[in-house]
Structure formats: structure tokens, C-alpha cells
């Protein structure tokens, strides 16, 4: 089962708007990465929303897990998997997901010092 964190070219906003990552403003990318690093409960909620809205999950055999697939009641197991992760695991997953990596790569291509930026947001730096 895929979620928006499997995406490498587009970001789906909370209102459902689809934005090409290359067309996002630098500060929007930075704030999204900051959200992944500082607010793992939002990332968790995004994944739960994607699972619940995913029509594929009704016929799928593979539950969402951060690293593997299991054959079970897909929707319940997928939601259980994401809500069983701790904050650190969700942050790591979000930042290292295809989406997180694509956003970080785009930021780096624009000259953002990714290492320093991640360190700053991990230490509680507010929005830009």
C-alpha cells in the first residue's frame, strides 16, 4: 500500500492540492521538512488518512509498514503499524521516505545546507 510518502515528484497538501516539489517555494519545502522533524504526530495522521482513503486497501493483501509487507486485514494492520511507531521512528521514516528525500534533494539543489538545516529543526527551530 502506498501513501503520499512514497511520492518523489509531488506533495499533496492538507487541502488536497497537488504541488510539484520543484514548484514549491523554498520556505514551503523547509517548513514541510520541519513539520516532519518536529511534529511526527502530523506525519502519522497523514499516513492514517492516506490508508483510510486508499481504495486499494480493500482488495490489497499487503499492509503498510515502514520497511516490509504483511498479509493481514490490511486497513487495520496498516493503521496499527503506523500508530505503533514512536516519535523517533516516525521522524526517521518521514525524513528518509522517498518524499522526504525528494524534498531534501530539492532544497539542496537550491543551495540549502541540509545538514545544518536538519540539525536546526531537530533542535526546535521555528518556521521560516
Foldseek 3Di string as FASTA:
>chain_A
DDACLQDQFWDQDPVRDIDGLLPDDLLVLLVVLLCLQPPLVVVLVRQLVRLVPPPVLVVDQFADALPDTHGDSRNVVNNVRSVVDDSVVSSVSSCPGSHNVSSLVSSVVVPDPSVVSSVCSNVPDDGD
